[in-house]
Amino acid sequence: IRTDSGGSTNYADSVKGRFTISRDNTKNTVYLQMNSLKPEDTAV
């Protein structure tokens, strides 16, 4: 996710439609919401 005002996002094909990246500028925090998790998502 870009940190400018546009905040455009990009995703790997394997997670499109399941994961959402977002940011809270007031908290300087980036989030990754992961839904419909699969065993192949296992990783660090």
PDB file of all heavy atoms in Angstrom:
ATOM      1  N   ILE A   1       0.848  -1.178   0.000  1.00  0.00           N
ATOM      2  CA  ILE A   1       0.000   0.000   0.000  1.00  0.00           C
ATOM      3  C   ILE A   1       0.887   1.233   0.000  1.00  0.00           C
ATOM      4  O   ILE A   1       1.868   1.300   0.741  1.00  0.00           O
ATOM      5  CB  ILE A   1      -0.974   0.004   1.203  1.00  0.00           C
ATOM      6  CG1 ILE A   1      -1.927   1.203   1.122  1.00  0.00           C
ATOM      7  CG2 ILE A   1      -0.209  -0.003   2.532  1.00  0.00           C
ATOM      8  CD1 ILE A   1      -3.094   1.114   2.103  1.00  0.00           C
ATOM      9  N   ARG A   2       0.560   2.202  -0.844  1.00  0.00           N
ATOM     10  CA  ARG A   2       1.309   3.450  -0.865  1.00  0.00           C
ATOM     11  C   ARG A   2       0.940   4.296   0.338  1.00  0.00           C
ATOM     12  O   ARG A   2      -0.196   4.260   0.822  1.00  0.00           O
ATOM     13  CB  ARG A   2       1.055   4.214  -2.155  1.00  0.00           C
ATOM     14  CG  ARG A   2       1.637   3.562  -3.402  1.00  0.00           C
ATOM     15  CD  ARG A   2       1.662   4.540  -4.570  1.00  0.00           C
ATOM     16  NE  ARG A   2       2.496   5.699  -4.293  1.00  0.00           N
ATOM     17  CZ  ARG A   2       3.803   5.759  -4.493  1.00  0.00           C
ATOM     18  NH1 ARG A   2       4.456   4.712  -4.990  1.00  0.00           N
ATOM     19  NH2 ARG A   2       4.480   6.866  -4.204  1.00  0.00           N
ATOM     20  N   THR A   3       1.907   5.070   0.809  1.00  0.00           N
ATOM     21  CA  THR A   3       1.685   5.903   1.987  1.00  0.00           C
ATOM     22  C   THR A   3       1.256   7.317   1.641  1.00  0.00           C
ATOM     23  O   THR A   3       1.000   8.109   2.545  1.00  0.00           O
ATOM     24  CB  THR A   3       2.948   5.952   2.858  1.00  0.00           C
ATOM     25  OG1 THR A   3       4.045   6.463   2.095  1.00  0.00           O
ATOM     26  CG2 THR A   3       3.297   4.564   3.366  1.00  0.00           C
ATOM     27  N   ASP A   4       1.165   7.656   0.354  1.00  0.00           N
ATOM     28  CA  ASP A   4       0.683   8.967  -0.051  1.00  0.00           C
ATOM     29  C   ASP A   4      -0.840   9.005   0.019  1.00  0.00           C
ATOM     30  O   ASP A   4      -1.494   8.037   0.425  1.00  0.00           O
ATOM     31  CB  ASP A   4       1.199   9.348  -1.440  1.00  0.00           C
ATOM     32  CG  ASP A   4       0.804   8.370  -2.526  1.00  0.00           C
ATOM     33  OD1 ASP A   4      -0.128   7.568  -2.315  1.00  0.00           O
ATOM     34  OD2 ASP A   4       1.423   8.400  -3.601  1.00  0.00           O
ATOM     35  N   SER A   5      -1.411  10.141  -0.398  1.00  0.00           N
ATOM     36  CA  SER A   5      -2.854  10.322  -0.256  1.00  0.00           C
ATOM     37  C   SER A   5      -3.661   9.344  -1.092  1.00  0.00           C
ATOM     38  O   SER A   5      -4.801   9.023  -0.740  1.00  0.00           O
ATOM     39  CB  SER A   5      -3.236  11.755  -0.613  1.00  0.00           C
ATOM     40  OG  SER A   5      -2.851  12.066  -1.947  1.00  0.00           O
ATOM     41  N   GLY A   6      -3.084   8.876  -2.200  1.00  0.00           N
ATOM     42  CA  GLY A   6      -3.791   7.926  -3.038  1.00  0.00           C
ATOM     43  C   GLY A   6      -4.008   6.585  -2.365  1.00  0.00           C
ATOM     44  O   GLY A   6      -5.094   5.997  -2.474  1.00  0.00           O
ATOM     45  N   GLY A   7      -2.978   6.089  -1.683  1.00  0.00           N
ATOM     46  CA  GLY A   7      -3.097   4.842  -0.957  1.00  0.00           C
ATOM     47  C   GLY A   7      -3.409   3.638  -1.819  1.00  0.00           C
ATOM     48  O   GLY A   7      -4.132   2.736  -1.391  1.00  0.00           O
ATOM     49  N   SER A   8      -2.886   3.600  -3.033  1.00  0.00           N
ATOM     50  CA  SER A   8      -3.154   2.489  -3.931  1.00  0.00           C
ATOM     51  C   SER A   8      -2.563   1.199  -3.377  1.00  0.00           C
ATOM     52  O   SER A   8      -1.538   1.206  -2.683  1.00  0.00           O
ATOM     53  CB  SER A   8      -2.605   2.771  -5.325  1.00  0.00           C
ATOM     54  OG  SER A   8      -1.197   2.948  -5.292  1.00  0.00           O
ATOM     55  N   THR A   9      -3.211   0.088  -3.697  1.00  0.00           N
ATOM     56  CA  THR A   9      -2.821  -1.210  -3.161  1.00  0.00           C
ATOM     57  C   THR A   9      -2.532  -2.201  -4.276  1.00  0.00           C
ATOM     58  O   THR A   9      -3.017  -2.067  -5.400  1.00  0.00           O
ATOM     59  CB  THR A   9      -3.920  -1.788  -2.261  1.00  0.00           C
ATOM     60  OG1 THR A   9      -5.133  -1.926  -3.017  1.00  0.00           O
ATOM     61  CG2 THR A   9      -4.175  -0.872  -1.072  1.00  0.00           C
ATOM     62  N   ASN A  10      -1.741  -3.214  -3.945  1.00  0.00           N
ATOM     63  CA  ASN A  10      -1.443  -4.319  -4.844  1.00  0.00           C
ATOM     64  C   ASN A  10      -1.436  -5.607  -4.048  1.00  0.00           C
ATOM     65  O   ASN A  10      -1.044  -5.626  -2.876  1.00  0.00           O
ATOM     66  CB  ASN A  10      -0.093  -4.116  -5.539  1.00  0.00           C
ATOM     67  CG  ASN A  10      -0.108  -3.000  -6.560  1.00  0.00           C
ATOM     68  OD1 ASN A  10      -0.603  -3.170  -7.667  1.00  0.00           O
ATOM     69  ND2 ASN A  10       0.426  -1.851  -6.191  1.00  0.00           N
ATOM     70  N   TYR A  11      -1.848  -6.703  -4.707  1.00  0.00           N
ATOM     71  CA  TYR A  11      -1.940  -7.993  -4.048  1.00  0.00           C
ATOM     72  C   TYR A  11      -1.359  -9.089  -4.917  1.00  0.00           C
ATOM     73  O   TYR A  11      -1.444  -9.037  -6.149  1.00  0.00           O
ATOM     74  CB  TYR A  11      -3.395  -8.352  -3.741  1.00  0.00           C
ATOM     75  CG  TYR A  11      -4.083  -7.418  -2.783  1.00  0.00           C
ATOM     76  CD1 TYR A  11      -4.801  -6.319  -3.250  1.00  0.00           C
ATOM     77  CD2 TYR A  11      -4.024  -7.633  -1.414  1.00  0.00           C
ATOM     78  CE1 TYR A  11      -5.437  -5.460  -2.373  1.00  0.00           C
ATOM     79  CE2 TYR A  11      -4.657  -6.778  -0.534  1.00  0.00           C
ATOM     80  CZ  TYR A  11      -5.358  -5.696  -1.014  1.00  0.00           C
ATOM     81  OH  TYR A  11      -5.991  -4.843  -0.141  1.00  0.00           O
ATOM     82  N   ALA A  12      -0.787 -10.085  -4.265  1.00  0.00           N
ATOM     83  CA  ALA A  12      -0.418 -11.298  -4.967  1.00  0.00           C
ATOM     84  C   ALA A  12      -1.681 -12.004  -5.447  1.00  0.00           C
ATOM     85  O   ALA A  12      -2.726 -11.950  -4.796  1.00  0.00           O
ATOM     86  CB  ALA A  12       0.380 -12.221  -4.056  1.00  0.00           C
ATOM     87  N   ASP A  13      -1.585 -12.667  -6.595  1.00  0.00           N
ATOM     88  CA  ASP A  13      -2.752 -13.357  -7.145  1.00  0.00           C
ATOM     89  C   ASP A  13      -3.325 -14.379  -6.165  1.00  0.00           C
ATOM     90  O   ASP A  13      -4.542 -14.588  -6.121  1.00  0.00           O
ATOM     91  CB  ASP A  13      -2.386 -14.052  -8.457  1.00  0.00           C
ATOM     92  CG  ASP A  13      -2.161 -13.072  -9.590  1.00  0.00           C
ATOM     93  OD1 ASP A  13      -2.620 -11.919  -9.499  1.00  0.00           O
ATOM     94  OD2 ASP A  13      -1.523 -13.473 -10.586  1.00  0.00           O
ATOM     95  N   SER A  14      -2.469 -15.001  -5.380  1.00  0.00           N
ATOM     96  CA  SER A  14      -2.900 -16.055  -4.482  1.00  0.00           C
ATOM     97  C   SER A  14      -3.773 -15.565  -3.329  1.00  0.00           C
ATOM     98  O   SER A  14      -4.447 -16.373  -2.680  1.00  0.00           O
ATOM     99  CB  SER A  14      -1.690 -16.802  -3.921  1.00  0.00           C
ATOM    100  OG  SER A  14      -0.835 -15.924  -3.216  1.00  0.00           O
ATOM    101  N   VAL A  15      -3.766 -14.255  -3.057  1.00  0.00           N
ATOM    102  CA  VAL A  15      -4.527 -13.732  -1.928  1.00  0.00           C
ATOM    103  C   VAL A  15      -5.610 -12.753  -2.346  1.00  0.00           C
ATOM    104  O   VAL A  15      -6.377 -12.291  -1.488  1.00  0.00           O
ATOM    105  CB  VAL A  15      -3.607 -13.067  -0.883  1.00  0.00           C
ATOM    106  CG1 VAL A  15      -2.509 -14.025  -0.453  1.00  0.00           C
ATOM    107  CG2 VAL A  15      -3.009 -11.770  -1.424  1.00  0.00           C
ATOM    108  N   LYS A  16      -5.712 -12.439  -3.623  1.00  0.00           N
ATOM    109  CA  LYS A  16      -6.724 -11.501  -4.088  1.00  0.00           C
ATOM    110  C   LYS A  16      -8.125 -11.999  -3.736  1.00  0.00           C
ATOM    111  O   LYS A  16      -8.444 -13.169  -3.928  1.00  0.00           O
ATOM    112  CB  LYS A  16      -6.606 -11.290  -5.595  1.00  0.00           C
ATOM    113  CG  LYS A  16      -5.420 -10.448  -6.018  1.00  0.00           C
ATOM    114  CD  LYS A  16      -5.378 -10.282  -7.532  1.00  0.00           C
ATOM    115  CE  LYS A  16      -4.184  -9.436  -7.951  1.00  0.00           C
ATOM    116  NZ  LYS A  16      -4.081  -9.316  -9.425  1.00  0.00           N
ATOM    117  N   GLY A  17      -8.935 -11.099  -3.220  1.00  0.00           N
ATOM    118  CA  GLY A  17     -10.286 -11.446  -2.821  1.00  0.00           C
ATOM    119  C   GLY A  17     -10.396 -11.998  -1.423  1.00  0.00           C
ATOM    120  O   GLY A  17     -11.510 -12.135  -0.904  1.00  0.00           O
ATOM    121  N   ARG A  18      -9.269 -12.337  -0.794  1.00  0.00           N
ATOM    122  CA  ARG A  18      -9.272 -12.881   0.559  1.00  0.00           C
ATOM    123  C   ARG A  18      -8.585 -11.970   1.567  1.00  0.00           C
ATOM    124  O   ARG A  18      -9.014 -11.887   2.717  1.00  0.00           O
ATOM    125  CB  ARG A  18      -8.595 -14.257   0.587  1.00  0.00           C
ATOM    126  CG  ARG A  18      -9.270 -15.297  -0.300  1.00  0.00           C
ATOM    127  CD  ARG A  18      -8.671 -16.687  -0.080  1.00  0.00           C
ATOM    128  NE  ARG A  18      -7.253 -16.734  -0.424  1.00  0.00           N
ATOM    129  CZ  ARG A  18      -6.272 -17.054   0.416  1.00  0.00           C
ATOM    130  NH1 ARG A  18      -6.565 -17.362   1.683  1.00  0.00           N
ATOM    131  NH2 ARG A  18      -5.011 -17.091   0.011  1.00  0.00           N
ATOM    132  N   PHE A  19      -7.510 -11.307   1.147  1.00  0.00           N
ATOM    133  CA  PHE A  19      -6.735 -10.445   2.036  1.00  0.00           C
ATOM    134  C   PHE A  19      -6.993  -8.985   1.683  1.00  0.00           C
ATOM    135  O   PHE A  19      -7.198  -8.638   0.517  1.00  0.00           O
ATOM    136  CB  PHE A  19      -5.238 -10.716   1.906  1.00  0.00           C
ATOM    137  CG  PHE A  19      -4.773 -12.046   2.433  1.00  0.00           C
ATOM    138  CD1 PHE A  19      -5.669 -13.035   2.806  1.00  0.00           C
ATOM    139  CD2 PHE A  19      -3.414 -12.306   2.549  1.00  0.00           C
ATOM    140  CE1 PHE A  19      -5.242 -14.252   3.281  1.00  0.00           C
ATOM    141  CE2 PHE A  19      -2.967 -13.521   3.026  1.00  0.00           C
ATOM    142  CZ  PHE A  19      -3.873 -14.495   3.393  1.00  0.00           C
ATOM    143  N   THR A  20      -6.938  -8.126   2.694  1.00  0.00           N
ATOM    144  CA  THR A  20      -7.083  -6.693   2.498  1.00  0.00           C
ATOM    145  C   THR A  20      -6.023  -5.963   3.307  1.00  0.00           C
ATOM    146  O   THR A  20      -5.920  -6.165   4.516  1.00  0.00           O
ATOM    147  CB  THR A  20      -8.475  -6.200   2.923  1.00  0.00           C
ATOM    148  OG1 THR A  20      -9.486  -6.895   2.186  1.00  0.00           O
ATOM    149  CG2 THR A  20      -8.608  -4.702   2.653  1.00  0.00           C
ATOM    150  N   ILE A  21      -5.248  -5.115   2.635  1.00  0.00           N
ATOM    151  CA  ILE A  21      -4.264  -4.297   3.315  1.00  0.00           C
ATOM    152  C   ILE A  21      -4.840  -2.899   3.504  1.00  0.00           C
ATOM    153  O   ILE A  21      -5.520  -2.375   2.619  1.00  0.00           O
ATOM    154  CB  ILE A  21      -2.922  -4.251   2.553  1.00  0.00           C
ATOM    155  CG1 ILE A  21      -1.846  -3.541   3.381  1.00  0.00           C
ATOM    156  CG2 ILE A  21      -3.082  -3.610   1.179  1.00  0.00           C
ATOM    157  CD1 ILE A  21      -0.444  -3.670   2.791  1.00  0.00           C
ATOM    158  N   SER A  22      -4.579  -2.300   4.644  1.00  0.00           N
ATOM    159  CA  SER A  22      -5.079  -0.970   4.938  1.00  0.00           C
ATOM    160  C   SER A  22      -4.109  -0.271   5.880  1.00  0.00           C
ATOM    161  O   SER A  22      -3.190  -0.889   6.407  1.00  0.00           O
ATOM    162  CB  SER A  22      -6.480  -1.026   5.558  1.00  0.00           C
ATOM    163  OG  SER A  22      -6.458  -1.729   6.786  1.00  0.00           O
ATOM    164  N   ARG A  23      -4.334   1.016   6.086  1.00  0.00           N
ATOM    165  CA  ARG A  23      -3.468   1.767   6.986  1.00  0.00           C
ATOM    166  C   ARG A  23      -4.265   2.792   7.762  1.00  0.00           C
ATOM    167  O   ARG A  23      -5.276   3.313   7.277  1.00  0.00           O
ATOM    168  CB  ARG A  23      -2.326   2.440   6.212  1.00  0.00           C
ATOM    169  CG  ARG A  23      -2.774   3.491   5.205  1.00  0.00           C
ATOM    170  CD  ARG A  23      -1.605   3.928   4.319  1.00  0.00           C
ATOM    171  NE  ARG A  23      -0.557   4.593   5.078  1.00  0.00           N
ATOM    172  CZ  ARG A  23      -0.457   5.910   5.232  1.00  0.00           C
ATOM    173  NH1 ARG A  23      -1.348   6.723   4.664  1.00  0.00           N
ATOM    174  NH2 ARG A  23       0.537   6.424   5.937  1.00  0.00           N
ATOM    175  N   ASP A  24      -3.808   3.080   8.959  1.00  0.00           N
ATOM    176  CA  ASP A  24      -4.359   4.123   9.801  1.00  0.00           C
ATOM    177  C   ASP A  24      -3.255   5.154   9.973  1.00  0.00           C
ATOM    178  O   ASP A  24      -2.314   4.939  10.740  1.00  0.00           O
ATOM    179  CB  ASP A  24      -4.805   3.567  11.146  1.00  0.00           C
ATOM    180  CG  ASP A  24      -5.483   4.611  12.006  1.00  0.00           C
ATOM    181  OD1 ASP A  24      -5.300   5.822  11.769  1.00  0.00           O
ATOM    182  OD2 ASP A  24      -6.210   4.216  12.938  1.00  0.00           O
ATOM    183  N   ASN A  25      -3.361   6.254   9.259  1.00  0.00           N
ATOM    184  CA  ASN A  25      -2.296   7.247   9.247  1.00  0.00           C
ATOM    185  C   ASN A  25      -2.105   7.906  10.610  1.00  0.00           C
ATOM    186  O   ASN A  25      -0.991   8.292  10.966  1.00  0.00           O
ATOM    187  CB  ASN A  25      -2.582   8.306   8.180  1.00  0.00           C
ATOM    188  CG  ASN A  25      -1.345   9.072   7.761  1.00  0.00           C
ATOM    189  OD1 ASN A  25      -0.266   8.500   7.635  1.00  0.00           O
ATOM    190  ND2 ASN A  25      -1.498  10.361   7.526  1.00  0.00           N
ATOM    191  N   THR A  26      -3.190   8.043  11.376  1.00  0.00           N
ATOM    192  CA  THR A  26      -3.083   8.674  12.685  1.00  0.00           C
ATOM    193  C   THR A  26      -2.308   7.815  13.665  1.00  0.00           C
ATOM    194  O   THR A  26      -1.736   8.333  14.623  1.00  0.00           O
ATOM    195  CB  THR A  26      -4.470   8.991  13.258  1.00  0.00           C
ATOM    196  OG1 THR A  26      -5.192   7.775  13.497  1.00  0.00           O
ATOM    197  CG2 THR A  26      -5.263   9.854  12.294  1.00  0.00           C
ATOM    198  N   LYS A  27      -2.282   6.514  13.454  1.00  0.00           N
ATOM    199  CA  LYS A  27      -1.572   5.588  14.331  1.00  0.00           C
ATOM    200  C   LYS A  27      -0.288   5.049  13.713  1.00  0.00           C
ATOM    201  O   LYS A  27       0.416   4.251  14.351  1.00  0.00           O
ATOM    202  CB  LYS A  27      -2.476   4.419  14.710  1.00  0.00           C
ATOM    203  CG  LYS A  27      -3.735   4.823  15.464  1.00  0.00           C
ATOM    204  CD  LYS A  27      -4.563   3.603  15.838  1.00  0.00           C
ATOM    205  CE  LYS A  27      -5.835   3.998  16.570  1.00  0.00           C
ATOM    206  NZ  LYS A  27      -5.538   4.661  17.869  1.00  0.00           N
ATOM    207  N   ASN A  28       0.013   5.455  12.476  1.00  0.00           N
ATOM    208  CA  ASN A  28       1.183   4.949  11.757  1.00  0.00           C
ATOM    209  C   ASN A  28       1.216   3.424  11.770  1.00  0.00           C
ATOM    210  O   ASN A  28       2.255   2.809  12.033  1.00  0.00           O
ATOM    211  CB  ASN A  28       2.467   5.523  12.351  1.00  0.00           C
ATOM    212  CG  ASN A  28       2.576   7.024  12.173  1.00  0.00           C
ATOM    213  OD1 ASN A  28       2.240   7.558  11.121  1.00  0.00           O
ATOM    214  ND2 ASN A  28       3.046   7.711  13.206  1.00  0.00           N
ATOM    215  N   THR A  29       0.078   2.834  11.466  1.00  0.00           N
ATOM    216  CA  THR A  29      -0.069   1.390  11.523  1.00  0.00           C
ATOM    217  C   THR A  29      -0.658   0.857  10.227  1.00  0.00           C
ATOM    218  O   THR A  29      -1.593   1.445   9.677  1.00  0.00           O
ATOM    219  CB  THR A  29      -0.957   0.982  12.702  1.00  0.00           C
ATOM    220  OG1 THR A  29      -0.360   1.440  13.930  1.00  0.00           O
ATOM    221  CG2 THR A  29      -1.121  -0.524  12.774  1.00  0.00           C
ATOM    222  N   VAL A  30      -0.099  -0.241   9.754  1.00  0.00           N
ATOM    223  CA  VAL A  30      -0.595  -0.943   8.580  1.00  0.00           C
ATOM    224  C   VAL A  30      -1.181  -2.271   9.028  1.00  0.00           C
ATOM    225  O   VAL A  30      -0.622  -2.939   9.904  1.00  0.00           O
ATOM    226  CB  VAL A  30       0.519  -1.156   7.542  1.00  0.00           C
ATOM    227  CG1 VAL A  30       0.028  -2.007   6.381  1.00  0.00           C
ATOM    228  CG2 VAL A  30       1.016   0.186   7.023  1.00  0.00           C
ATOM    229  N   TYR A  31      -2.292  -2.658   8.415  1.00  0.00           N
ATOM    230  CA  TYR A  31      -2.988  -3.878   8.781  1.00  0.00           C
ATOM    231  C   TYR A  31      -3.084  -4.816   7.589  1.00  0.00           C
ATOM    232  O   TYR A  31      -3.087  -4.389   6.433  1.00  0.00           O
ATOM    233  CB  TYR A  31      -4.405  -3.575   9.269  1.00  0.00           C
ATOM    234  CG  TYR A  31      -4.463  -2.590  10.409  1.00  0.00           C
ATOM    235  CD1 TYR A  31      -4.668  -1.236  10.167  1.00  0.00           C
ATOM    236  CD2 TYR A  31      -4.315  -3.009  11.723  1.00  0.00           C
ATOM    237  CE1 TYR A  31      -4.723  -0.329  11.208  1.00  0.00           C
ATOM    238  CE2 TYR A  31      -4.366  -2.105  12.771  1.00  0.00           C
ATOM    239  CZ  TYR A  31      -4.573  -0.768  12.509  1.00  0.00           C
ATOM    240  OH  TYR A  31      -4.626   0.136  13.546  1.00  0.00           O
ATOM    241  N   LEU A  32      -3.173  -6.092   7.883  1.00  0.00           N
ATOM    242  CA  LEU A  32      -3.471  -7.092   6.873  1.00  0.00           C
ATOM    243  C   LEU A  32      -4.599  -7.965   7.401  1.00  0.00           C
ATOM    244  O   LEU A  32      -4.386  -8.779   8.299  1.00  0.00           O
ATOM    245  CB  LEU A  32      -2.246  -7.942   6.538  1.00  0.00           C
ATOM    246  CG  LEU A  32      -2.436  -8.942   5.395  1.00  0.00           C
ATOM    247  CD1 LEU A  32      -2.625  -8.206   4.061  1.00  0.00           C
ATOM    248  CD2 LEU A  32      -1.263  -9.906   5.300  1.00  0.00           C
ATOM    249  N   GLN A  33      -5.799  -7.755   6.865  1.00  0.00           N
ATOM    250  CA  GLN A  33      -6.944  -8.577   7.218  1.00  0.00           C
ATOM    251  C   GLN A  33      -6.950  -9.800   6.321  1.00  0.00           C
ATOM    252  O   GLN A  33      -7.024  -9.679   5.098  1.00  0.00           O
ATOM    253  CB  GLN A  33      -8.245  -7.790   7.057  1.00  0.00           C
ATOM    254  CG  GLN A  33      -9.501  -8.583   7.374  1.00  0.00           C
ATOM    255  CD  GLN A  33      -9.595  -8.961   8.834  1.00  0.00           C
ATOM    256  OE1 GLN A  33      -9.366  -8.127   9.701  1.00  0.00           O
ATOM    257  NE2 GLN A  33      -9.915 -10.220   9.106  1.00  0.00           N
ATOM    258  N   MET A  34      -6.876 -10.978   6.915  1.00  0.00           N
ATOM    259  CA  MET A  34      -6.798 -12.231   6.181  1.00  0.00           C
ATOM    260  C   MET A  34      -8.050 -13.046   6.452  1.00  0.00           C
ATOM    261  O   MET A  34      -8.299 -13.457   7.589  1.00  0.00           O
ATOM    262  CB  MET A  34      -5.547 -13.016   6.579  1.00  0.00           C
ATOM    263  CG  MET A  34      -4.251 -12.232   6.395  1.00  0.00           C
ATOM    264  SD  MET A  34      -2.775 -13.210   6.768  1.00  0.00           S
ATOM    265  CE  MET A  34      -2.989 -13.431   8.538  1.00  0.00           C
ATOM    266  N   ASN A  35      -8.835 -13.270   5.412  1.00  0.00           N
ATOM    267  CA  ASN A  35     -10.055 -14.051   5.502  1.00  0.00           C
ATOM    268  C   ASN A  35      -9.933 -15.310   4.652  1.00  0.00           C
ATOM    269  O   ASN A  35      -9.078 -15.407   3.776  1.00  0.00           O
ATOM    270  CB  ASN A  35     -11.262 -13.231   5.037  1.00  0.00           C
ATOM    271  CG  ASN A  35     -11.503 -12.005   5.878  1.00  0.00           C
ATOM    272  OD1 ASN A  35     -11.291 -12.013   7.091  1.00  0.00           O
ATOM    273  ND2 ASN A  35     -11.962 -10.930   5.238  1.00  0.00           N
ATOM    274  N   SER A  36     -10.808 -16.263   4.916  1.00  0.00           N
ATOM    275  CA  SER A  36     -10.825 -17.524   4.166  1.00  0.00           C
ATOM    276  C   SER A  36      -9.438 -18.144   4.086  1.00  0.00           C
ATOM    277  O   SER A  36      -8.968 -18.551   3.024  1.00  0.00           O
ATOM    278  CB  SER A  36     -11.395 -17.299   2.761  1.00  0.00           C
ATOM    279  OG  SER A  36     -12.706 -16.773   2.819  1.00  0.00           O
ATOM    280  N   LEU A  37      -8.781 -18.228   5.218  1.00  0.00           N
ATOM    281  CA  LEU A  37      -7.405 -18.711   5.255  1.00  0.00           C
ATOM    282  C   LEU A  37      -7.312 -20.172   4.836  1.00  0.00           C
ATOM    283  O   LEU A  37      -8.191 -20.977   5.131  1.00  0.00           O
ATOM    284  CB  LEU A  37      -6.823 -18.523   6.648  1.00  0.00           C
ATOM    285  CG  LEU A  37      -6.397 -17.081   6.972  1.00  0.00           C
ATOM    286  CD1 LEU A  37      -6.223 -16.898   8.464  1.00  0.00           C
ATOM    287  CD2 LEU A  37      -5.112 -16.736   6.241  1.00  0.00           C
ATOM    288  N   LYS A  38      -6.220 -20.484   4.152  1.00  0.00           N
ATOM    289  CA  LYS A  38      -5.945 -21.821   3.657  1.00  0.00           C
ATOM    290  C   LYS A  38      -4.642 -22.325   4.257  1.00  0.00           C
ATOM    291  O   LYS A  38      -3.788 -21.530   4.632  1.00  0.00           O
ATOM    292  CB  LYS A  38      -5.827 -21.812   2.131  1.00  0.00           C
ATOM    293  CG  LYS A  38      -7.017 -21.224   1.398  1.00  0.00           C
ATOM    294  CD  LYS A  38      -6.739 -21.136  -0.096  1.00  0.00           C
ATOM    295  CE  LYS A  38      -7.907 -20.533  -0.841  1.00  0.00           C
ATOM    296  NZ  LYS A  38      -7.634 -20.419  -2.298  1.00  0.00           N
ATOM    297  N   PRO A  39      -4.455 -23.649   4.331  1.00  0.00           N
ATOM    298  CA  PRO A  39      -3.185 -24.172   4.847  1.00  0.00           C
ATOM    299  C   PRO A  39      -1.969 -23.637   4.099  1.00  0.00           C
ATOM    300  O   PRO A  39      -0.909 -23.453   4.719  1.00  0.00           O
ATOM    301  CB  PRO A  39      -3.338 -25.689   4.664  1.00  0.00           C
ATOM    302  CG  PRO A  39      -4.798 -25.924   4.767  1.00  0.00           C
ATOM    303  CD  PRO A  39      -5.433 -24.724   4.095  1.00  0.00           C
ATOM    304  N   GLU A  40      -2.094 -23.376   2.810  1.00  0.00           N
ATOM    305  CA  GLU A  40      -0.971 -22.852   2.049  1.00  0.00           C
ATOM    306  C   GLU A  40      -0.614 -21.413   2.404  1.00  0.00           C
ATOM    307  O   GLU A  40       0.396 -20.891   1.931  1.00  0.00           O
ATOM    308  CB  GLU A  40      -1.222 -22.975   0.537  1.00  0.00           C
ATOM    309  CG  GLU A  40      -2.565 -22.429   0.092  1.00  0.00           C
ATOM    310  CD  GLU A  40      -3.622 -23.502  -0.052  1.00  0.00           C
ATOM    311  OE1 GLU A  40      -3.720 -24.369   0.847  1.00  0.00           O
ATOM    312  OE2 GLU A  40      -4.350 -23.490  -1.063  1.00  0.00           O
ATOM    313  N   ASP A  41      -1.429 -20.762   3.213  1.00  0.00           N
ATOM    314  CA  ASP A  41      -1.094 -19.434   3.718  1.00  0.00           C
ATOM    315  C   ASP A  41      -0.120 -19.501   4.894  1.00  0.00           C
ATOM    316  O   ASP A  41       0.361 -18.457   5.344  1.00  0.00           O
ATOM    317  CB  ASP A  41      -2.349 -18.676   4.148  1.00  0.00           C
ATOM    318  CG  ASP A  41      -3.283 -18.372   2.993  1.00  0.00           C
ATOM    319  OD1 ASP A  41      -2.787 -17.983   1.910  1.00  0.00           O
ATOM    320  OD2 ASP A  41      -4.506 -18.507   3.170  1.00  0.00           O
ATOM    321  N   THR A  42       0.152 -20.689   5.397  1.00  0.00           N
ATOM    322  CA  THR A  42       1.060 -20.854   6.527  1.00  0.00           C
ATOM    323  C   THR A  42       2.448 -20.339   6.171  1.00  0.00           C
ATOM    324  O   THR A  42       3.049 -20.768   5.186  1.00  0.00           O
ATOM    325  CB  THR A  42       1.135 -22.319   6.948  1.00  0.00           C
ATOM    326  OG1 THR A  42      -0.146 -22.749   7.424  1.00  0.00           O
ATOM    327  CG2 THR A  42       2.162 -22.512   8.057  1.00  0.00           C
ATOM    328  N   ALA A  43       2.960 -19.418   6.974  1.00  0.00           N
ATOM    329  CA  ALA A  43       4.263 -18.807   6.727  1.00  0.00           C
ATOM    330  C   ALA A  43       4.567 -17.827   7.846  1.00  0.00           C
ATOM    331  O   ALA A  43       3.711 -17.533   8.680  1.00  0.00           O
ATOM    332  CB  ALA A  43       4.278 -18.077   5.380  1.00  0.00           C
ATOM    333  N   VAL A  44       5.798 -17.334   7.845  1.00  0.00           N
ATOM    334  CA  VAL A  44       6.146 -16.186   8.663  1.00  0.00           C
ATOM    335  C   VAL A  44       5.857 -14.944   7.836  1.00  0.00           C
ATOM    336  O   VAL A  44       6.335 -14.819   6.709  1.00  0.00           O
ATOM    337  CB  VAL A  44       7.620 -16.211   9.102  1.00  0.00           C
ATOM    338  CG1 VAL A  44       7.960 -14.950   9.895  1.00  0.00           C
ATOM    339  CG2 VAL A  44       7.909 -17.453   9.933  1.00  0.00           C
TER     340      VAL A  44
END
